[in-house]
Amino acid sequence: MYKLNLCDIDPASIKVKTYDLHKDVFNCTDPDEVKSYELSCDNAEIEFLTINGATAINEERVTTYWKLTGKDHELRSVSKTNKYWLIADDVPYAQRLAKALKHAVELCGGKASKF
């Protein structure tokens, strides 16, 4: 689970990258690659960063070991990061979501990084 404050996001960093889920090639921005590898480019990743690279996004993980019993069957960990992404299987939807996310970040007070 990730927890973040929209005010900590750099609105200028919100980007949509399209890709083909079924191929190893991840560069749908190059028309020659799209054509030569026959990429569908029908999936999208919305990536964003925190302001000035601050580690302000909390990541909480729970790993469950089903063969163990008692309190040792779960491992909990917490870390912080400055980058996050959302995955969508509909490119137009991802573009609308990125636009809405940027608007929400700006309304919240998110500012562009200084560097």
Foldseek 3Di string as FASTA:
>chain_A
DKDADLQFWALVFWDKFFFAPPDPDRHPVDPVCCVVVVGPSQKIKTKTFTAPFDQGMKDKDWQAQVVDDDPVRIDIDIDTGGMDMDIDRGRVVSVVVSVVSSVVSVVSNHHHHPD
